[in-house]
Amino acid sequence: MLALLSCKVGLCQTSSLETASKKILAAKRGDIVNLDNVLKADFPKLSYTKSVLPGPQYIISDDPEYIRVPEAIALQETVDPGAVRLYVYNVNGVKDPQKIARKISAVIKNLGKENMHFRMLKYSSQKPSSNYFEIGKKGLEDYFLSAVSNQVRVLKPGEAMAIDEKLENQIVQYDELVHGFYEFVVDQPAQISVIQFAPEESGPKVLSQIKTLIPHSHANAGRGIFPISNYQVNTVDTLDTKNGVVQLIVADGQDDPWITGTIGEKKEFAKNAGNYGVMYKNKIKWRSSDGKGLALVTWNSRSADNQWCGGMGLTMELIGQDGKKTVMQYPNKALITKGYPEAILIETYWPDPKKEIQDIEFTYSPPGASCLPTPLIFIPIDRKK
């Protein structure tokens, strides 16, 4: 009787994958596809090597995420001359004795003995909003697409300025997220501060007046300065479509540990719980022994964990066989994907008869406001059926 009510596992899996293949082939890149009886958390993992790529000093400001003190410093770090990546992720959290509007700005001060030349390389700045998913997706899209040139500002010794004039001039209402993602170069040692203050004030002006430096709590993604900002990920073995579905998992805190650094003058221990703002450059070698193609999809595997994991949206940079880069928000026709059985189609790949082994390349950064990890799943697809 049980045999009549069930099926052999292999046959069921084949049927489910054939159905998934048809759904994927009918979809477009960026679409949400329902992959019933296919998505699961325990697909075989692709083994990979991970190496640190040259990159900027990296600073993240997300502890506290909600700044409850009306006038306060949420982050303050010193950087050496060279390249810097700064990720600002802070919310106006002032509600006692009442909710009030604030400004949140990132300010840089020249600590050197000579004039400092500040040159912006990448610039991503979003209007304060309570739609954290939208800001997270747009922030990464703007970062990937950004190419700033000939923007050099000069600061005298001891002088301070706002890193982002747009951010400096925006009013932030209660519960709105301030989101900025920047890369720049300085030629003198500098102090970088993220501060909250009154709307009528100027960040560079009040920097010296604000005495409250909010203690860290090792909450959220964290805060501090980190020596690692970029990784290169290469798969160890060549993926073969005949072997079925596999997944690549980075930024899980286990197989891929969180980056560590220091906080403030005392150089206290810091970790970036999520590796948010870190760029993963991925290269996956693959072949098709059975003539099938591959679909790269992702899904919100953490949707059932808690109330904060109910949605996921991301932005990625794909690199084509011709080397051309394409940046897209996923999903592209909706703000987020919710959870099983929804998957987002990132891209499809087809075997080149002239090449035995091909490369899949893309840049991934853990999506803000989403629970991690976000598995990157490779599903064999067959356009002959």
Protein backbone atom coordinates (compact mmCIF):
# COMPACT_ATOMS: atom_id res chain seq x y z
CA MET A 1 0.00 0.00 0.00
CA LEU A 2 2.79 2.41 0.93
CA ALA A 3 4.49 1.66 -2.35
CA LEU A 4 1.37 2.76 -4.18
CA LEU A 5 1.24 6.04 -2.30
CA SER A 6 4.88 6.89 -2.81
CA CYS A 7 7.39 6.82 -5.63
CA LYS A 8 10.98 5.93 -6.04
CA VAL A 9 13.11 8.87 -4.99
CA GLY A 10 15.09 9.00 -8.22
CA LEU A 11 11.95 9.07 -10.38
CA CYS A 12 10.36 11.79 -8.25
CA GLN A 13 13.49 13.91 -8.38
CA THR A 14 13.72 13.50 -12.15
CA SER A 15 10.09 14.51 -12.60
CA SER A 16 10.47 17.53 -10.31
CA LEU A 17 13.62 18.69 -12.11
CA GLU A 18 11.96 18.30 -15.51
CA THR A 19 9.07 20.45 -14.30
CA ALA A 20 11.50 22.98 -12.83
CA SER A 21 13.40 23.08 -16.12
CA LYS A 22 10.22 23.91 -18.05
CA LYS A 23 9.31 26.68 -15.59
CA ILE A 24 12.79 28.17 -15.75
CA LEU A 25 12.86 28.10 -19.55
CA ALA A 26 9.53 29.93 -19.63
CA ALA A 27 10.85 32.64 -17.31
CA LYS A 28 13.09 35.64 -17.86
CA ARG A 29 16.13 36.71 -15.91
CA GLY A 30 15.04 38.36 -12.68
CA ASP A 31 11.68 36.59 -12.55
CA ILE A 32 10.34 34.75 -9.53
CA VAL A 33 9.77 31.07 -10.36
CA ASN A 34 7.87 28.63 -8.15
CA LEU A 35 10.03 25.52 -7.80
CA ASP A 36 7.80 23.22 -5.78
CA ASN A 37 9.40 19.97 -4.63
CA VAL A 38 12.82 21.16 -5.78
CA LEU A 39 14.10 23.80 -3.38
CA LYS A 40 15.75 22.53 -0.23
CA ALA A 41 18.54 23.59 2.08
CA ASP A 42 20.72 20.48 1.80
CA PHE A 43 21.78 20.38 -1.83
CA PRO A 44 25.40 19.21 -2.23
CA LYS A 45 27.78 22.11 -1.70
CA LEU A 46 30.40 23.17 -4.20
CA SER A 47 33.83 23.10 -2.60
CA TYR A 48 35.85 26.23 -3.22
CA THR A 49 39.05 28.04 -2.44
CA LYS A 50 38.80 31.57 -1.10
CA SER A 51 41.62 34.08 -1.31
CA VAL A 52 41.85 37.68 -0.16
CA LEU A 53 42.02 40.15 -3.03
CA PRO A 54 43.74 43.52 -2.76
CA GLY A 55 41.20 46.05 -1.63
CA PRO A 56 40.51 49.12 0.45
CA GLN A 57 40.42 49.46 4.21
CA TYR A 58 36.81 48.67 5.02
CA ILE A 59 34.58 50.44 7.56
CA ILE A 60 30.99 49.51 8.39
CA SER A 61 28.60 51.44 10.64
CA ASP A 62 25.72 49.24 11.85
CA ASP A 63 26.17 49.03 15.64
CA PRO A 64 24.00 50.59 16.77
CA GLU A 65 21.71 50.34 13.77
CA TYR A 66 19.09 52.48 15.55
CA ILE A 67 20.72 55.60 16.97
CA ARG A 68 18.62 56.44 20.05
CA VAL A 69 20.67 59.44 21.24
CA PRO A 70 19.74 62.76 19.54
CA GLU A 71 23.34 64.01 19.23
CA ALA A 72 25.88 61.22 19.14
CA ILE A 73 28.77 59.57 17.35
CA ALA A 74 27.78 56.11 16.12
CA LEU A 75 31.19 55.24 14.66
CA GLN A 76 34.67 56.75 14.75
CA GLU A 77 37.69 55.15 13.11
CA THR A 78 41.12 56.22 11.89
CA VAL A 79 42.33 55.23 8.43
CA ASP A 80 45.79 55.23 6.90
CA PRO A 81 46.57 56.97 3.62
CA GLY A 82 45.18 54.87 0.79
CA ALA A 83 41.85 53.49 -0.38
CA VAL A 84 38.82 53.25 1.94
CA ARG A 85 35.42 51.60 1.58
CA LEU A 86 32.70 52.97 3.88
CA TYR A 87 29.28 51.40 4.42
CA VAL A 88 26.80 53.53 6.39
CA TYR A 89 23.69 51.66 7.60
CA ASN A 90 22.05 53.63 10.40
CA VAL A 91 18.52 54.57 11.44
CA ASN A 92 17.13 57.58 13.28
CA GLY A 93 15.88 55.80 16.39
CA VAL A 94 15.12 58.80 18.62
CA LYS A 95 11.69 58.30 20.21
CA ASP A 96 12.04 59.53 23.80
CA PRO A 97 10.56 61.79 24.95
CA GLN A 98 9.18 62.05 21.40
CA LYS A 99 10.03 61.12 17.83
CA ILE A 100 12.08 63.86 16.19
CA ALA A 101 13.74 64.47 12.84
CA ARG A 102 17.54 64.24 12.67
CA LYS A 103 20.45 64.30 10.30
CA ILE A 104 22.89 61.40 9.97
CA SER A 105 26.12 62.16 8.17
CA ALA A 106 29.58 60.72 7.55
CA VAL A 107 32.37 63.20 8.25
CA ILE A 108 36.07 62.91 7.48
CA LYS A 109 38.79 64.90 9.28
CA ASN A 110 42.38 65.37 8.13
CA LEU A 111 44.70 64.09 10.87
CA GLY A 112 47.84 64.71 8.86
CA LYS A 113 50.32 67.56 8.88
CA GLU A 114 49.82 68.40 5.21
CA ASN A 115 46.87 69.07 2.96
CA MET A 116 44.81 65.96 2.33
CA HIS A 117 43.51 65.16 -1.14
CA PHE A 118 40.21 63.26 -1.06
CA ARG A 119 39.17 61.52 -4.27
CA MET A 120 35.87 59.65 -4.59
CA LEU A 121 36.06 56.40 -6.60
CA LYS A 122 32.62 54.84 -6.09
CA TYR A 123 29.53 56.63 -4.85
CA SER A 124 26.17 55.17 -3.80
CA SER A 125 23.77 57.30 -1.77
CA GLN A 126 20.06 56.69 -1.27
CA LYS A 127 17.32 58.93 0.07
CA PRO A 128 16.43 58.03 3.69
CA SER A 129 13.51 55.61 3.73
CA SER A 130 11.71 53.05 5.86
CA ASN A 131 11.79 50.63 2.91
CA TYR A 132 15.01 48.86 3.84
CA PHE A 133 14.80 46.23 1.09
CA GLU A 134 14.48 48.84 -1.63
CA ILE A 135 17.42 50.81 -0.27
CA GLY A 136 19.58 47.69 0.03
CA LYS A 137 18.97 46.61 -3.58
CA LYS A 138 19.36 50.11 -4.99
CA GLY A 139 22.47 50.76 -2.92
CA LEU A 140 24.34 47.82 -4.39
CA GLU A 141 23.11 48.59 -7.90
CA ASP A 142 24.39 52.16 -7.64
CA TYR A 143 27.69 50.92 -6.22
CA PHE A 144 28.28 48.44 -9.04
CA LEU A 145 27.38 51.01 -11.69
CA SER A 146 29.29 53.88 -10.10
CA ALA A 147 32.38 55.30 -11.77
CA VAL A 148 33.36 58.65 -10.28
CA SER A 149 36.22 60.63 -11.82
CA ASN A 150 37.89 64.00 -11.33
CA GLN A 151 36.26 64.60 -7.95
CA VAL A 152 39.13 65.75 -5.77
CA ARG A 153 38.61 67.82 -2.63
CA VAL A 154 41.37 69.27 -0.46
CA LEU A 155 41.31 69.49 3.34
CA LYS A 156 43.81 71.45 5.39
CA PRO A 157 45.34 69.81 8.48
CA GLY A 158 42.63 69.51 11.14
CA GLU A 159 39.84 70.41 8.70
CA ALA A 160 36.67 68.28 8.45
CA MET A 161 34.08 67.88 5.72
CA ALA A 162 31.06 65.75 4.88
CA ILE A 163 31.97 62.74 2.77
CA ASP A 164 28.57 62.89 1.06
CA GLU A 165 26.99 66.34 0.66
CA LYS A 166 23.71 64.72 -0.38
CA LEU A 167 23.60 62.77 2.87
CA GLU A 168 24.66 65.84 4.84
CA ASN A 169 21.68 67.85 3.63
CA GLN A 170 18.92 65.26 4.00
CA ILE A 171 16.48 65.24 6.90
CA VAL A 172 15.92 61.82 8.44
CA GLN A 173 12.57 61.07 10.03
CA TYR A 174 12.11 58.56 12.84
CA ASP A 175 12.66 54.94 11.74
CA GLU A 176 14.17 55.93 8.39
CA LEU A 177 17.33 54.22 7.23
CA VAL A 178 20.34 56.22 6.06
CA HIS A 179 22.28 54.17 3.51
CA GLY A 180 25.55 55.16 1.87
CA PHE A 181 28.21 53.04 0.19
CA TYR A 182 31.46 54.71 -0.85
CA GLU A 183 35.01 54.09 -1.96
CA PHE A 184 37.56 56.87 -1.89
CA VAL A 185 41.29 57.57 -1.64
CA VAL A 186 43.08 59.85 0.84
CA ASP A 187 46.78 60.74 1.02
CA GLN A 188 46.90 61.64 4.74
CA PRO A 189 45.78 59.78 7.86
CA ALA A 190 42.14 60.62 8.53
CA GLN A 191 39.37 60.20 11.07
CA ILE A 192 35.99 58.99 9.83
CA SER A 193 32.90 59.54 11.95
CA VAL A 194 29.22 58.74 11.50
CA ILE A 195 27.18 61.19 13.56
CA GLN A 196 23.57 62.03 14.32
CA PHE A 197 22.63 65.63 15.03
CA ALA A 198 19.99 68.36 14.74
CA PRO A 199 18.55 69.16 11.28
CA GLU A 200 19.63 72.81 11.41
CA GLU A 201 23.27 71.94 12.10
CA SER A 202 26.26 70.99 9.95
CA GLY A 203 28.11 67.72 10.48
CA PRO A 204 31.65 69.13 10.17
CA LYS A 205 30.72 71.97 12.54
CA VAL A 206 29.18 69.86 15.31
CA LEU A 207 31.73 67.02 15.11
CA SER A 208 33.98 68.62 17.72
CA GLN A 209 30.99 69.52 19.91
CA ILE A 210 29.47 66.03 20.20
CA LYS A 211 31.00 64.20 23.13
CA THR A 212 28.81 61.08 23.20
CA LEU A 213 30.38 58.09 21.48
CA ILE A 214 27.82 55.30 21.63
CA PRO A 215 29.33 52.08 23.03
CA HIS A 216 29.34 49.11 20.70
CA SER A 217 27.26 46.06 21.58
CA HIS A 218 28.42 43.55 18.94
CA ALA A 219 24.88 43.63 17.54
CA ASN A 220 23.54 43.57 13.98
CA ALA A 221 26.28 43.40 11.33
CA GLY A 222 28.59 45.30 13.67
CA ARG A 223 30.92 48.22 13.30
CA GLY A 224 34.62 48.87 13.00
CA ILE A 225 37.47 48.81 10.52
CA PHE A 226 38.48 45.64 8.70
CA PRO A 227 41.54 44.66 6.64
CA ILE A 228 39.51 42.49 4.24
CA SER A 229 37.05 43.90 1.72
CA ASN A 230 37.29 41.61 -1.33
CA TYR A 231 37.44 37.84 -1.87
CA GLN A 232 38.13 35.66 -4.90
CA VAL A 233 36.14 32.41 -4.84
CA ASN A 234 37.10 29.58 -7.21
CA THR A 235 35.43 26.18 -7.23
CA VAL A 236 37.76 23.24 -6.61
CA ASP A 237 36.06 20.75 -8.93
CA THR A 238 34.42 21.30 -12.29
CA LEU A 239 30.65 21.32 -12.00
CA ASP A 240 29.03 18.78 -14.37
CA THR A 241 25.35 19.04 -15.27
CA LYS A 242 25.01 15.23 -15.21
CA ASN A 243 25.52 15.28 -11.43
CA GLY A 244 22.34 17.23 -10.70
CA VAL A 245 21.65 20.24 -8.52
CA VAL A 246 24.46 21.79 -6.47
CA GLN A 247 24.81 25.01 -4.48
CA LEU A 248 27.45 27.59 -3.69
CA ILE A 249 27.21 29.05 -0.20
CA VAL A 250 29.29 31.99 0.97
CA ALA A 251 28.76 34.41 3.87
CA ASP A 252 27.29 31.81 6.20
CA GLY A 253 29.61 32.37 9.17
CA GLN A 254 30.60 28.69 9.15
CA ASP A 255 32.29 27.46 5.99
CA ASP A 256 32.94 31.12 5.24
CA PRO A 257 33.70 32.88 8.56
CA TRP A 258 32.85 36.50 9.27
CA ILE A 259 35.65 38.97 8.69
CA THR A 260 37.23 40.43 11.83
CA GLY A 261 38.79 43.77 12.65
CA THR A 262 38.91 46.37 15.39
CA ILE A 263 36.69 49.05 16.93
CA GLY A 264 37.86 52.54 17.87
CA GLU A 265 40.99 53.82 19.58
CA LYS A 266 41.21 50.82 21.92
CA LYS A 267 41.25 48.43 18.96
CA GLU A 268 38.60 46.22 20.52
CA PHE A 269 37.55 43.08 18.67
CA ALA A 270 35.08 43.54 15.82
CA LYS A 271 33.36 41.19 13.43
CA ASN A 272 31.11 41.83 10.46
CA ALA A 273 28.28 39.36 11.11
CA GLY A 274 27.15 38.82 7.55
CA ASN A 275 30.20 40.10 5.68
CA TYR A 276 27.93 42.87 4.45
CA GLY A 277 29.74 45.17 2.06
CA VAL A 278 32.36 42.55 1.18
CA MET A 279 32.70 41.81 -2.54
CA TYR A 280 32.92 38.16 -3.61
CA LYS A 281 34.30 37.67 -7.11
CA ASN A 282 33.25 34.15 -8.09
CA LYS A 283 34.47 31.82 -10.83
CA ILE A 284 32.74 28.47 -11.33
CA LYS A 285 34.11 26.01 -13.86
CA TRP A 286 31.48 23.79 -15.49
CA ARG A 287 30.93 21.24 -18.22
CA SER A 288 27.92 19.55 -19.74
CA SER A 289 28.41 15.82 -20.22
CA ASP A 290 24.73 15.37 -21.07
CA GLY A 291 24.16 18.44 -23.23
CA LYS A 292 22.12 20.28 -20.62
CA GLY A 293 22.45 23.89 -19.59
CA LEU A 294 22.50 25.45 -16.14
CA ALA A 295 20.18 27.83 -14.36
CA LEU A 296 21.57 29.94 -11.55
CA VAL A 297 18.84 30.68 -9.00
CA THR A 298 18.66 31.83 -5.40
CA TRP A 299 15.98 31.74 -2.72
CA ASN A 300 15.19 32.94 0.77
CA SER A 301 16.13 29.79 2.64
CA ARG A 302 15.80 31.54 6.01
CA SER A 303 12.19 32.69 5.60
CA ALA A 304 10.82 30.53 8.42
CA ASP A 305 13.50 31.46 10.96
CA ASN A 306 11.97 34.61 12.47
CA GLN A 307 9.97 37.76 11.74
CA TRP A 308 13.01 39.53 10.27
CA CYS A 309 13.63 36.89 7.59
CA GLY A 310 10.37 37.17 5.68
CA GLY A 311 11.87 38.68 2.53
CA MET A 312 15.03 38.79 0.44
CA GLY A 313 16.21 40.90 -2.47
CA LEU A 314 19.67 41.34 -3.90
CA THR A 315 21.75 42.89 -6.65
CA MET A 316 24.51 41.13 -8.57
CA GLU A 317 27.06 41.89 -11.25
CA LEU A 318 27.25 39.18 -13.92
CA ILE A 319 30.18 38.82 -16.30
CA GLY A 320 29.38 37.39 -19.73
CA GLN A 321 31.59 35.19 -21.89
CA ASP A 322 32.58 38.34 -23.77
CA GLY A 323 33.68 40.02 -20.53
CA LYS A 324 30.76 42.43 -20.56
CA LYS A 325 29.36 43.23 -17.12
CA THR A 326 25.63 43.37 -16.42
CA VAL A 327 24.15 44.67 -13.16
CA MET A 328 20.62 43.76 -12.13
CA GLN A 329 18.35 43.85 -9.10
CA TYR A 330 16.75 40.51 -8.19
CA PRO A 331 13.83 40.06 -8.37
CA ASN A 332 13.39 42.80 -10.95
CA LYS A 333 9.58 42.90 -11.12
CA ALA A 334 8.98 42.72 -7.39
CA LEU A 335 10.69 44.15 -4.34
CA ILE A 336 11.50 40.82 -2.68
CA THR A 337 11.03 37.10 -2.78
CA LYS A 338 9.34 35.73 0.32
CA GLY A 339 10.26 32.07 0.69
CA TYR A 340 9.60 28.52 -0.46
CA PRO A 341 8.62 27.65 -3.17
CA GLU A 342 9.78 30.95 -4.68
CA ALA A 343 13.16 31.17 -6.38
CA ILE A 344 14.72 34.03 -8.34
CA LEU A 345 16.17 33.24 -11.75
CA ILE A 346 19.53 34.99 -11.92
CA GLU A 347 20.81 33.66 -15.25
CA THR A 348 20.84 30.68 -17.62
CA TYR A 349 23.96 29.22 -19.20
CA TRP A 350 24.31 26.91 -22.20
CA PRO A 351 27.21 24.68 -23.25
CA ASP A 352 29.51 25.92 -25.97
CA PRO A 353 30.22 22.99 -28.34
CA LYS A 354 33.68 24.46 -28.94
CA LYS A 355 34.63 24.38 -25.25
CA GLU A 356 34.82 21.36 -22.98
CA ILE A 357 34.96 23.54 -19.86
CA GLN A 358 33.42 26.98 -19.42
CA ASP A 359 33.47 29.63 -16.70
CA ILE A 360 30.60 31.28 -14.89
CA GLU A 361 31.68 34.57 -13.33
CA PHE A 362 29.81 37.03 -11.15
CA THR A 363 30.30 39.41 -8.24
CA TYR A 364 28.12 38.84 -5.20
CA SER A 365 27.81 40.87 -2.02
CA PRO A 366 25.56 39.77 0.86
CA PRO A 367 22.28 41.67 0.45
CA GLY A 368 21.45 44.24 3.13
CA ALA A 369 18.23 43.80 5.15
CA SER A 370 18.17 40.09 4.25
CA CYS A 371 18.94 37.02 6.34
CA LEU A 372 21.96 34.99 5.33
CA PRO A 373 23.10 32.88 3.70
CA THR A 374 21.37 33.26 0.35
CA PRO A 375 22.27 30.01 -1.46
CA LEU A 376 23.36 30.27 -5.09
CA ILE A 377 21.90 27.15 -6.70
CA PHE A 378 22.82 25.59 -10.05
CA ILE A 379 20.02 23.56 -11.64
CA PRO A 380 20.50 21.53 -14.85
CA ILE A 381 17.99 22.57 -17.51
CA ASP A 382 17.07 20.86 -20.77
CA ARG A 383 15.53 22.79 -23.65
CA LYS A 384 15.03 19.60 -25.64
CA LYS A 385 12.13 18.51 -23.45
